[in-house]
């Protein structure tokens, strides 16, 4: 199991004003990836919610907005996290 926090430095201003997004330096969501690959995400915006995803790739396919410069910070650094972060940086695709 590993945990992460998601940031969106360029979330649209109207999202912030409407409560759908937080300020650029604030976390937008927190999550956990379980050992079986399932991902649970807790949104930290005004309209808080929790969602469950089959896997991290599915979650990022929906919420990995490159135009918002979405960034994932993993809470525990290990070889898997470091390799994944390098792959995302190299490909230009970011997480939710």
PDB file of N, CA and C in Angstrom:
ATOM      1  N   UNK A   1       0.843  -1.175   0.000  1.00  0.00           N
ATOM      2  CA  UNK A   1       0.000   0.000   0.000  1.00  0.00           C
ATOM      3  C   UNK A   1       0.891   1.241   0.000  1.00  0.00           C
ATOM      4  N   UNK A   2       0.465   2.246  -0.774  1.00  0.00           N
ATOM      5  CA  UNK A   2       1.193   3.509  -0.785  1.00  0.00           C
ATOM      6  C   UNK A   2       0.201   4.658  -0.928  1.00  0.00           C
ATOM      7  N   UNK A   3       0.574   5.803  -0.406  1.00  0.00           N
ATOM      8  CA  UNK A   3      -0.319   6.962  -0.419  1.00  0.00           C
ATOM      9  C   UNK A   3       0.273   8.084  -1.252  1.00  0.00           C
ATOM     10  N   UNK A   4      -0.610   8.977  -1.706  1.00  0.00           N
ATOM     11  CA  UNK A   4      -0.176  10.088  -2.533  1.00  0.00           C
ATOM     12  C   UNK A   4      -1.061  11.309  -2.314  1.00  0.00           C
ATOM     13  N   UNK A   5      -0.544  12.447  -2.741  1.00  0.00           N
ATOM     14  CA  UNK A   5      -1.278  13.713  -2.716  1.00  0.00           C
ATOM     15  C   UNK A   5      -1.173  14.324  -4.105  1.00  0.00           C
ATOM     16  N   UNK A   6      -2.283  14.879  -4.587  1.00  0.00           N
ATOM     17  CA  UNK A   6      -2.311  15.478  -5.918  1.00  0.00           C
ATOM     18  C   UNK A   6      -2.447  16.985  -5.866  1.00  0.00           C
ATOM     19  N   UNK A   7      -1.665  17.652  -6.690  1.00  0.00           N
ATOM     20  CA  UNK A   7      -1.682  19.115  -6.806  1.00  0.00           C
ATOM     21  C   UNK A   7      -1.983  19.496  -8.251  1.00  0.00           C
ATOM     22  N   UNK A   8      -2.642  20.629  -8.416  1.00  0.00           N
ATOM     23  CA  UNK A   8      -2.942  21.163  -9.748  1.00  0.00           C
ATOM     24  C   UNK A   8      -2.611  22.653  -9.758  1.00  0.00           C
ATOM     25  N   UNK A   9      -1.388  23.001 -10.106  1.00  0.00           N
ATOM     26  CA  UNK A   9      -0.967  24.397 -10.082  1.00  0.00           C
ATOM     27  C   UNK A   9      -1.728  25.311 -11.043  1.00  0.00           C
ATOM     28  N   UNK A  10      -2.304  24.753 -12.105  1.00  0.00           N
ATOM     29  CA  UNK A  10      -2.980  25.601 -13.083  1.00  0.00           C
ATOM     30  C   UNK A  10      -4.454  25.233 -13.243  1.00  0.00           C
ATOM     31  N   UNK A  11      -5.111  24.968 -12.122  1.00  0.00           N
ATOM     32  CA  UNK A  11      -6.548  24.705 -12.185  1.00  0.00           C
ATOM     33  C   UNK A  11      -7.240  26.012 -12.598  1.00  0.00           C
ATOM     34  N   UNK A  12      -8.268  25.957 -13.458  1.00  0.00           N
ATOM     35  CA  UNK A  12      -8.929  27.185 -13.915  1.00  0.00           C
ATOM     36  C   UNK A  12      -9.493  28.015 -12.753  1.00  0.00           C
ATOM     37  N   UNK A  13      -9.379  29.312 -12.875  1.00  0.00           N
ATOM     38  CA  UNK A  13      -9.835  30.237 -11.826  1.00  0.00           C
ATOM     39  C   UNK A  13     -11.312  30.010 -11.493  1.00  0.00           C
ATOM     40  N   UNK A  14     -12.139  29.769 -12.503  1.00  0.00           N
ATOM     41  CA  UNK A  14     -13.569  29.575 -12.227  1.00  0.00           C
ATOM     42  C   UNK A  14     -13.828  28.287 -11.442  1.00  0.00           C
ATOM     43  N   UNK A  15     -12.928  27.310 -11.517  1.00  0.00           N
ATOM     44  CA  UNK A  15     -13.045  26.122 -10.683  1.00  0.00           C
ATOM     45  C   UNK A  15     -12.812  26.486  -9.219  1.00  0.00           C
ATOM     46  N   UNK A  16     -11.821  27.312  -8.988  1.00  0.00           N
ATOM     47  CA  UNK A  16     -11.515  27.746  -7.619  1.00  0.00           C
ATOM     48  C   UNK A  16     -12.677  28.559  -7.069  1.00  0.00           C
ATOM     49  N   UNK A  17     -13.142  29.524  -7.855  1.00  0.00           N
ATOM     50  CA  UNK A  17     -14.261  30.377  -7.428  1.00  0.00           C
ATOM     51  C   UNK A  17     -15.523  29.566  -7.166  1.00  0.00           C
ATOM     52  N   UNK A  18     -15.734  28.508  -7.943  1.00  0.00           N
ATOM     53  CA  UNK A  18     -16.920  27.675  -7.776  1.00  0.00           C
ATOM     54  C   UNK A  18     -16.798  26.585  -6.733  1.00  0.00           C
ATOM     55  N   UNK A  19     -15.611  26.457  -6.128  1.00  0.00           N
ATOM     56  CA  UNK A  19     -15.413  25.438  -5.097  1.00  0.00           C
ATOM     57  C   UNK A  19     -15.009  24.080  -5.622  1.00  0.00           C
ATOM     58  N   UNK A  20     -14.757  23.983  -6.943  1.00  0.00           N
ATOM     59  CA  UNK A  20     -14.397  22.704  -7.550  1.00  0.00           C
ATOM     60  C   UNK A  20     -12.896  22.452  -7.542  1.00  0.00           C
ATOM     61  N   UNK A  21     -12.122  23.456  -7.184  1.00  0.00           N
ATOM     62  CA  UNK A  21     -10.674  23.333  -7.139  1.00  0.00           C
ATOM     63  C   UNK A  21     -10.117  24.190  -6.018  1.00  0.00           C
ATOM     64  N   UNK A  22      -8.928  23.860  -5.569  1.00  0.00           N
ATOM     65  CA  UNK A  22      -8.251  24.630  -4.529  1.00  0.00           C
ATOM     66  C   UNK A  22      -7.214  25.548  -5.157  1.00  0.00           C
ATOM     67  N   UNK A  23      -6.667  26.427  -4.350  1.00  0.00           N
ATOM     68  CA  UNK A  23      -5.601  27.308  -4.814  1.00  0.00           C
ATOM     69  C   UNK A  23      -4.428  26.476  -5.318  1.00  0.00           C
ATOM     70  N   UNK A  24      -3.621  27.022  -6.241  1.00  0.00           N
ATOM     71  CA  UNK A  24      -2.543  26.250  -6.872  1.00  0.00           C
ATOM     72  C   UNK A  24      -1.564  25.570  -5.917  1.00  0.00           C
ATOM     73  N   UNK A  25      -1.288  26.166  -4.762  1.00  0.00           N
ATOM     74  CA  UNK A  25      -0.314  25.569  -3.837  1.00  0.00           C
ATOM     75  C   UNK A  25      -0.951  24.618  -2.825  1.00  0.00           C
ATOM     76  N   UNK A  26      -2.258  24.444  -2.909  1.00  0.00           N
ATOM     77  CA  UNK A  26      -2.967  23.551  -1.993  1.00  0.00           C
ATOM     78  C   UNK A  26      -3.231  22.206  -2.661  1.00  0.00           C
ATOM     79  N   UNK A  27      -3.257  21.163  -1.863  1.00  0.00           N
ATOM     80  CA  UNK A  27      -3.580  19.839  -2.389  1.00  0.00           C
ATOM     81  C   UNK A  27      -5.017  19.810  -2.896  1.00  0.00           C
ATOM     82  N   UNK A  28      -5.224  19.128  -4.013  1.00  0.00           N
ATOM     83  CA  UNK A  28      -6.566  18.952  -4.567  1.00  0.00           C
ATOM     84  C   UNK A  28      -7.195  17.648  -4.078  1.00  0.00           C
ATOM     85  N   UNK A  29      -6.348  16.625  -3.890  1.00  0.00           N
ATOM     86  CA  UNK A  29      -6.848  15.326  -3.460  1.00  0.00           C
ATOM     87  C   UNK A  29      -5.739  14.529  -2.785  1.00  0.00           C
ATOM     88  N   UNK A  30      -6.160  13.520  -2.018  1.00  0.00           N
ATOM     89  CA  UNK A  30      -5.255  12.553  -1.410  1.00  0.00           C
ATOM     90  C   UNK A  30      -5.729  11.175  -1.841  1.00  0.00           C
ATOM     91  N   UNK A  31      -4.811  10.241  -1.898  1.00  0.00           N
ATOM     92  CA  UNK A  31      -5.217   8.910  -2.315  1.00  0.00           C
ATOM     93  C   UNK A  31      -4.366   7.815  -1.729  1.00  0.00           C
ATOM     94  N   UNK A  32      -4.856   6.615  -1.927  1.00  0.00           N
ATOM     95  CA  UNK A  32      -4.126   5.421  -1.511  1.00  0.00           C
ATOM     96  C   UNK A  32      -4.236   4.395  -2.627  1.00  0.00           C
ATOM     97  N   UNK A  33      -3.120   3.765  -2.939  1.00  0.00           N
ATOM     98  CA  UNK A  33      -3.105   2.649  -3.870  1.00  0.00           C
ATOM     99  C   UNK A  33      -2.868   1.400  -3.044  1.00  0.00           C
ATOM    100  N   UNK A  34      -3.846   0.513  -3.025  1.00  0.00           N
ATOM    101  CA  UNK A  34      -3.752  -0.710  -2.248  1.00  0.00           C
ATOM    102  C   UNK A  34      -2.883  -1.736  -2.967  1.00  0.00           C
ATOM    103  N   UNK A  35      -2.460  -2.741  -2.237  1.00  0.00           N
ATOM    104  CA  UNK A  35      -1.564  -3.756  -2.783  1.00  0.00           C
ATOM    105  C   UNK A  35      -2.147  -4.481  -3.995  1.00  0.00           C
ATOM    106  N   UNK A  36      -3.477  -4.552  -4.098  1.00  0.00           N
ATOM    107  CA  UNK A  36      -4.086  -5.215  -5.257  1.00  0.00           C
ATOM    108  C   UNK A  36      -4.273  -4.273  -6.443  1.00  0.00           C
ATOM    109  N   UNK A  37      -3.812  -3.019  -6.302  1.00  0.00           N
ATOM    110  CA  UNK A  37      -3.897  -2.048  -7.383  1.00  0.00           C
ATOM    111  C   UNK A  37      -5.072  -1.101  -7.301  1.00  0.00           C
ATOM    112  N   UNK A  38      -6.077  -1.408  -6.496  1.00  0.00           N
ATOM    113  CA  UNK A  38      -7.236  -0.539  -6.330  1.00  0.00           C
ATOM    114  C   UNK A  38      -6.793   0.804  -5.764  1.00  0.00           C
ATOM    115  N   UNK A  39      -7.428   1.884  -6.223  1.00  0.00           N
ATOM    116  CA  UNK A  39      -7.086   3.232  -5.780  1.00  0.00           C
ATOM    117  C   UNK A  39      -8.326   3.904  -5.187  1.00  0.00           C
ATOM    118  N   UNK A  40      -8.165   4.507  -4.020  1.00  0.00           N
ATOM    119  CA  UNK A  40      -9.209   5.321  -3.407  1.00  0.00           C
ATOM    120  C   UNK A  40      -8.700   6.753  -3.365  1.00  0.00           C
ATOM    121  N   UNK A  41      -9.555   7.699  -3.765  1.00  0.00           N
ATOM    122  CA  UNK A  41      -9.176   9.107  -3.830  1.00  0.00           C
ATOM    123  C   UNK A  41     -10.171   9.936  -3.023  1.00  0.00           C
ATOM    124  N   UNK A  42      -9.651  10.829  -2.208  1.00  0.00           N
ATOM    125  CA  UNK A  42     -10.459  11.755  -1.414  1.00  0.00           C
ATOM    126  C   UNK A  42     -10.186  13.167  -1.902  1.00  0.00           C
ATOM    127  N   UNK A  43     -11.186  13.808  -2.497  1.00  0.00           N
ATOM    128  CA  UNK A  43     -11.065  15.177  -2.984  1.00  0.00           C
ATOM    129  C   UNK A  43     -11.127  16.137  -1.807  1.00  0.00           C
ATOM    130  N   UNK A  44     -10.263  17.148  -1.808  1.00  0.00           N
ATOM    131  CA  UNK A  44     -10.133  18.089  -0.698  1.00  0.00           C
ATOM    132  C   UNK A  44     -10.714  19.460  -1.028  1.00  0.00           C
ATOM    133  N   UNK A  45     -11.467  19.547  -2.107  1.00  0.00           N
ATOM    134  CA  UNK A  45     -12.077  20.804  -2.516  1.00  0.00           C
ATOM    135  C   UNK A  45     -13.311  21.079  -1.665  1.00  0.00           C
ATOM    136  N   UNK A  46     -13.978  22.182  -1.936  1.00  0.00           N
ATOM    137  CA  UNK A  46     -15.178  22.536  -1.167  1.00  0.00           C
ATOM    138  C   UNK A  46     -16.221  21.411  -1.226  1.00  0.00           C
ATOM    139  N   UNK A  47     -16.345  20.783  -2.387  1.00  0.00           N
ATOM    140  CA  UNK A  47     -17.304  19.696  -2.571  1.00  0.00           C
ATOM    141  C   UNK A  47     -16.576  18.365  -2.434  1.00  0.00           C
ATOM    142  N   UNK A  48     -16.310  18.015  -1.204  1.00  0.00           N
ATOM    143  CA  UNK A  48     -15.511  16.826  -0.906  1.00  0.00           C
ATOM    144  C   UNK A  48     -16.248  15.550  -1.300  1.00  0.00           C
ATOM    145  N   UNK A  49     -15.486  14.617  -1.820  1.00  0.00           N
ATOM    146  CA  UNK A  49     -16.043  13.321  -2.181  1.00  0.00           C
ATOM    147  C   UNK A  49     -14.926  12.285  -2.166  1.00  0.00           C
ATOM    148  N   UNK A  50     -15.325  11.038  -2.203  1.00  0.00           N
ATOM    149  CA  UNK A  50     -14.378   9.933  -2.254  1.00  0.00           C
ATOM    150  C   UNK A  50     -14.758   9.035  -3.423  1.00  0.00           C
ATOM    151  N   UNK A  51     -13.755   8.607  -4.175  1.00  0.00           N
ATOM    152  CA  UNK A  51     -14.029   7.720  -5.306  1.00  0.00           C
ATOM    153  C   UNK A  51     -13.072   6.532  -5.258  1.00  0.00           C
ATOM    154  N   UNK A  52     -13.527   5.428  -5.828  1.00  0.00           N
ATOM    155  CA  UNK A  52     -12.742   4.198  -5.884  1.00  0.00           C
ATOM    156  C   UNK A  52     -12.502   3.873  -7.354  1.00  0.00           C
ATOM    157  N   UNK A  53     -11.260   3.530  -7.681  1.00  0.00           N
ATOM    158  CA  UNK A  53     -10.865   3.234  -9.054  1.00  0.00           C
ATOM    159  C   UNK A  53     -10.246   1.845  -9.122  1.00  0.00           C
ATOM    160  N   UNK A  54     -10.408   1.184 -10.243  1.00  0.00           N
ATOM    161  CA  UNK A  54      -9.859  -0.155 -10.440  1.00  0.00           C
ATOM    162  C   UNK A  54      -8.349  -0.167 -10.288  1.00  0.00           C
ATOM    163  N   UNK A  55      -7.699   0.891 -10.808  1.00  0.00           N
ATOM    164  CA  UNK A  55      -6.241   0.983 -10.733  1.00  0.00           C
ATOM    165  C   UNK A  55      -5.813   2.432 -10.962  1.00  0.00           C
ATOM    166  N   UNK A  56      -4.534   2.699 -10.747  1.00  0.00           N
ATOM    167  CA  UNK A  56      -4.006   4.058 -10.855  1.00  0.00           C
ATOM    168  C   UNK A  56      -4.089   4.578 -12.288  1.00  0.00           C
ATOM    169  N   UNK A  57      -3.852   3.713 -13.264  1.00  0.00           N
ATOM    170  CA  UNK A  57      -3.906   4.129 -14.670  1.00  0.00           C
ATOM    171  C   UNK A  57      -5.305   4.609 -15.050  1.00  0.00           C
ATOM    172  N   UNK A  58      -6.331   3.942 -14.555  1.00  0.00           N
ATOM    173  CA  UNK A  58      -7.704   4.348 -14.852  1.00  0.00           C
ATOM    174  C   UNK A  58      -8.006   5.697 -14.198  1.00  0.00           C
ATOM    175  N   UNK A  59      -7.605   5.869 -12.962  1.00  0.00           N
ATOM    176  CA  UNK A  59      -7.796   7.142 -12.280  1.00  0.00           C
ATOM    177  C   UNK A  59      -7.126   8.277 -13.058  1.00  0.00           C
ATOM    178  N   UNK A  60      -5.871   8.087 -13.461  1.00  0.00           N
ATOM    179  CA  UNK A  60      -5.162   9.157 -14.158  1.00  0.00           C
ATOM    180  C   UNK A  60      -5.694   9.377 -15.575  1.00  0.00           C
ATOM    181  N   UNK A  61      -6.278   8.344 -16.187  1.00  0.00           N
ATOM    182  CA  UNK A  61      -6.879   8.528 -17.510  1.00  0.00           C
ATOM    183  C   UNK A  61      -8.035   9.522 -17.442  1.00  0.00           C
ATOM    184  N   UNK A  62      -8.724   9.552 -16.316  1.00  0.00           N
ATOM    185  CA  UNK A  62      -9.864  10.462 -16.138  1.00  0.00           C
ATOM    186  C   UNK A  62      -9.420  11.800 -15.556  1.00  0.00           C
ATOM    187  N   UNK A  63      -8.535  11.784 -14.571  1.00  0.00           N
ATOM    188  CA  UNK A  63      -8.189  13.002 -13.829  1.00  0.00           C
ATOM    189  C   UNK A  63      -6.761  13.491 -14.055  1.00  0.00           C
ATOM    190  N   UNK A  64      -6.049  12.937 -14.981  1.00  0.00           N
ATOM    191  CA  UNK A  64      -4.666  13.350 -15.257  1.00  0.00           C
ATOM    192  C   UNK A  64      -4.606  14.511 -16.230  1.00  0.00           C
ATOM    193  N   UNK A  65      -5.037  15.657 -15.799  1.00  0.00           N
ATOM    194  CA  UNK A  65      -5.121  16.836 -16.656  1.00  0.00           C
ATOM    195  C   UNK A  65      -3.758  17.501 -16.831  1.00  0.00           C
ATOM    196  N   UNK A  66      -3.128  17.264 -17.972  1.00  0.00           N
ATOM    197  CA  UNK A  66      -1.830  17.888 -18.246  1.00  0.00           C
ATOM    198  C   UNK A  66      -1.960  19.412 -18.303  1.00  0.00           C
ATOM    199  N   UNK A  67      -3.104  19.909 -18.775  1.00  0.00           N
ATOM    200  CA  UNK A  67      -3.297  21.353 -18.867  1.00  0.00           C
ATOM    201  C   UNK A  67      -3.388  22.017 -17.489  1.00  0.00           C
ATOM    202  N   UNK A  68      -3.674  21.256 -16.449  1.00  0.00           N
ATOM    203  CA  UNK A  68      -3.680  21.789 -15.079  1.00  0.00           C
ATOM    204  C   UNK A  68      -2.316  21.581 -14.412  1.00  0.00           C
ATOM    205  N   UNK A  69      -1.394  20.960 -15.129  1.00  0.00           N
ATOM    206  CA  UNK A  69      -0.075  20.591 -14.608  1.00  0.00           C
ATOM    207  C   UNK A  69      -0.185  19.730 -13.351  1.00  0.00           C
ATOM    208  N   UNK A  70      -1.108  18.784 -13.407  1.00  0.00           N
ATOM    209  CA  UNK A  70      -1.341  17.890 -12.277  1.00  0.00           C
ATOM    210  C   UNK A  70      -0.054  17.190 -11.888  1.00  0.00           C
ATOM    211  N   UNK A  71       0.205  17.156 -10.588  1.00  0.00           N
ATOM    212  CA  UNK A  71       1.428  16.560 -10.045  1.00  0.00           C
ATOM    213  C   UNK A  71       1.051  15.650  -8.883  1.00  0.00           C
ATOM    214  N   UNK A  72       1.611  14.460  -8.874  1.00  0.00           N
ATOM    215  CA  UNK A  72       1.407  13.503  -7.782  1.00  0.00           C
ATOM    216  C   UNK A  72       2.668  13.455  -6.935  1.00  0.00           C
ATOM    217  N   UNK A  73       2.499  13.573  -5.641  1.00  0.00           N
ATOM    218  CA  UNK A  73       3.604  13.388  -4.691  1.00  0.00           C
ATOM    219  C   UNK A  73       3.291  12.154  -3.856  1.00  0.00           C
ATOM    220  N   UNK A  74       4.133  11.145  -4.011  1.00  0.00           N
ATOM    221  CA  UNK A  74       3.964   9.908  -3.246  1.00  0.00           C
ATOM    222  C   UNK A  74       4.515  10.114  -1.845  1.00  0.00           C
ATOM    223  N   UNK A  75       3.820   9.609  -0.854  1.00  0.00           N
ATOM    224  CA  UNK A  75       4.219   9.792   0.542  1.00  0.00           C
ATOM    225  C   UNK A  75       5.435   8.974   0.920  1.00  0.00           C
ATOM    226  N   UNK A  76       5.591   7.830   0.328  1.00  0.00           N
ATOM    227  CA  UNK A  76       6.712   6.955   0.663  1.00  0.00           C
ATOM    228  C   UNK A  76       7.537   6.733  -0.584  1.00  0.00           C
ATOM    229  N   UNK A  77       8.795   7.105  -0.524  1.00  0.00           N
ATOM    230  CA  UNK A  77       9.676   6.931  -1.676  1.00  0.00           C
ATOM    231  C   UNK A  77      10.249   5.522  -1.672  1.00  0.00           C
ATOM    232  N   UNK A  78      10.071   4.831  -2.770  1.00  0.00           N
ATOM    233  CA  UNK A  78      10.709   3.544  -2.954  1.00  0.00           C
ATOM    234  C   UNK A  78      11.060   3.400  -4.428  1.00  0.00           C
ATOM    235  N   UNK A  79      11.675   2.332  -4.800  1.00  0.00           N
ATOM    236  CA  UNK A  79      12.125   2.152  -6.184  1.00  0.00           C
ATOM    237  C   UNK A  79      10.957   2.221  -7.162  1.00  0.00           C
ATOM    238  N   UNK A  80       9.816   1.663  -6.802  1.00  0.00           N
ATOM    239  CA  UNK A  80       8.644   1.675  -7.684  1.00  0.00           C
ATOM    240  C   UNK A  80       8.175   3.108  -7.922  1.00  0.00           C
ATOM    241  N   UNK A  81       8.061   3.898  -6.851  1.00  0.00           N
ATOM    242  CA  UNK A  81       7.625   5.288  -6.975  1.00  0.00           C
ATOM    243  C   UNK A  81       8.603   6.098  -7.818  1.00  0.00           C
ATOM    244  N   UNK A  82       9.884   5.946  -7.555  1.00  0.00           N
ATOM    245  CA  UNK A  82      10.890   6.714  -8.279  1.00  0.00           C
ATOM    246  C   UNK A  82      10.866   6.371  -9.762  1.00  0.00           C
ATOM    247  N   UNK A  83      10.734   5.105 -10.102  1.00  0.00           N
ATOM    248  CA  UNK A  83      10.676   4.698 -11.503  1.00  0.00           C
ATOM    249  C   UNK A  83       9.422   5.254 -12.168  1.00  0.00           C
ATOM    250  N   UNK A  84       8.294   5.209 -11.466  1.00  0.00           N
ATOM    251  CA  UNK A  84       7.046   5.723 -12.027  1.00  0.00           C
ATOM    252  C   UNK A  84       7.119   7.228 -12.236  1.00  0.00           C
ATOM    253  N   UNK A  85       7.674   7.941 -11.282  1.00  0.00           N
ATOM    254  CA  UNK A  85       7.797   9.392 -11.413  1.00  0.00           C
ATOM    255  C   UNK A  85       8.689   9.759 -12.591  1.00  0.00           C
ATOM    256  N   UNK A  86       9.778   9.017 -12.795  1.00  0.00           N
ATOM    257  CA  UNK A  86      10.662   9.271 -13.940  1.00  0.00           C
ATOM    258  C   UNK A  86       9.915   9.023 -15.242  1.00  0.00           C
ATOM    259  N   UNK A  87       9.149   7.954 -15.302  1.00  0.00           N
ATOM    260  CA  UNK A  87       8.394   7.612 -16.519  1.00  0.00           C
ATOM    261  C   UNK A  87       7.388   8.703 -16.833  1.00  0.00           C
ATOM    262  N   UNK A  88       6.678   9.217 -15.839  1.00  0.00           N
ATOM    263  CA  UNK A  88       5.695  10.265 -16.064  1.00  0.00           C
ATOM    264  C   UNK A  88       6.364  11.543 -16.515  1.00  0.00           C
ATOM    265  N   UNK A  89       7.498  11.897 -15.931  1.00  0.00           N
ATOM    266  CA  UNK A  89       8.210  13.093 -16.321  1.00  0.00           C
ATOM    267  C   UNK A  89       8.740  12.965 -17.740  1.00  0.00           C
ATOM    268  N   UNK A  90       9.265  11.799 -18.078  1.00  0.00           N
ATOM    269  CA  UNK A  90       9.817  11.563 -19.403  1.00  0.00           C
ATOM    270  C   UNK A  90       8.748  11.603 -20.490  1.00  0.00           C
ATOM    271  N   UNK A  91       7.554  11.093 -20.172  1.00  0.00           N
ATOM    272  CA  UNK A  91       6.488  11.013 -21.173  1.00  0.00           C
ATOM    273  C   UNK A  91       5.701  12.300 -21.278  1.00  0.00           C
ATOM    274  N   UNK A  92       5.862  13.185 -20.289  1.00  0.00           N
ATOM    275  CA  UNK A  92       5.093  14.431 -20.287  1.00  0.00           C
ATOM    276  C   UNK A  92       3.684  14.247 -19.768  1.00  0.00           C
ATOM    277  N   UNK A  93       3.288  13.026 -19.480  1.00  0.00           N
ATOM    278  CA  UNK A  93       1.953  12.775 -18.927  1.00  0.00           C
ATOM    279  C   UNK A  93       2.040  12.845 -17.422  1.00  0.00           C
ATOM    280  N   UNK A  94       1.132  13.592 -16.844  1.00  0.00           N
ATOM    281  CA  UNK A  94       1.103  13.726 -15.401  1.00  0.00           C
ATOM    282  C   UNK A  94      -0.136  13.056 -14.859  1.00  0.00           C
ATOM    283  N   UNK A  95      -0.207  12.941 -13.557  1.00  0.00           N
ATOM    284  CA  UNK A  95      -1.327  12.282 -12.902  1.00  0.00           C
ATOM    285  C   UNK A  95      -2.415  13.288 -12.593  1.00  0.00           C
ATOM    286  N   UNK A  96      -3.509  12.697 -12.225  1.00  0.00           N
ATOM    287  CA  UNK A  96      -4.719  13.406 -11.903  1.00  0.00           C
ATOM    288  C   UNK A  96      -4.566  14.672 -11.175  1.00  0.00           C
TER     289      UNK A  96
END
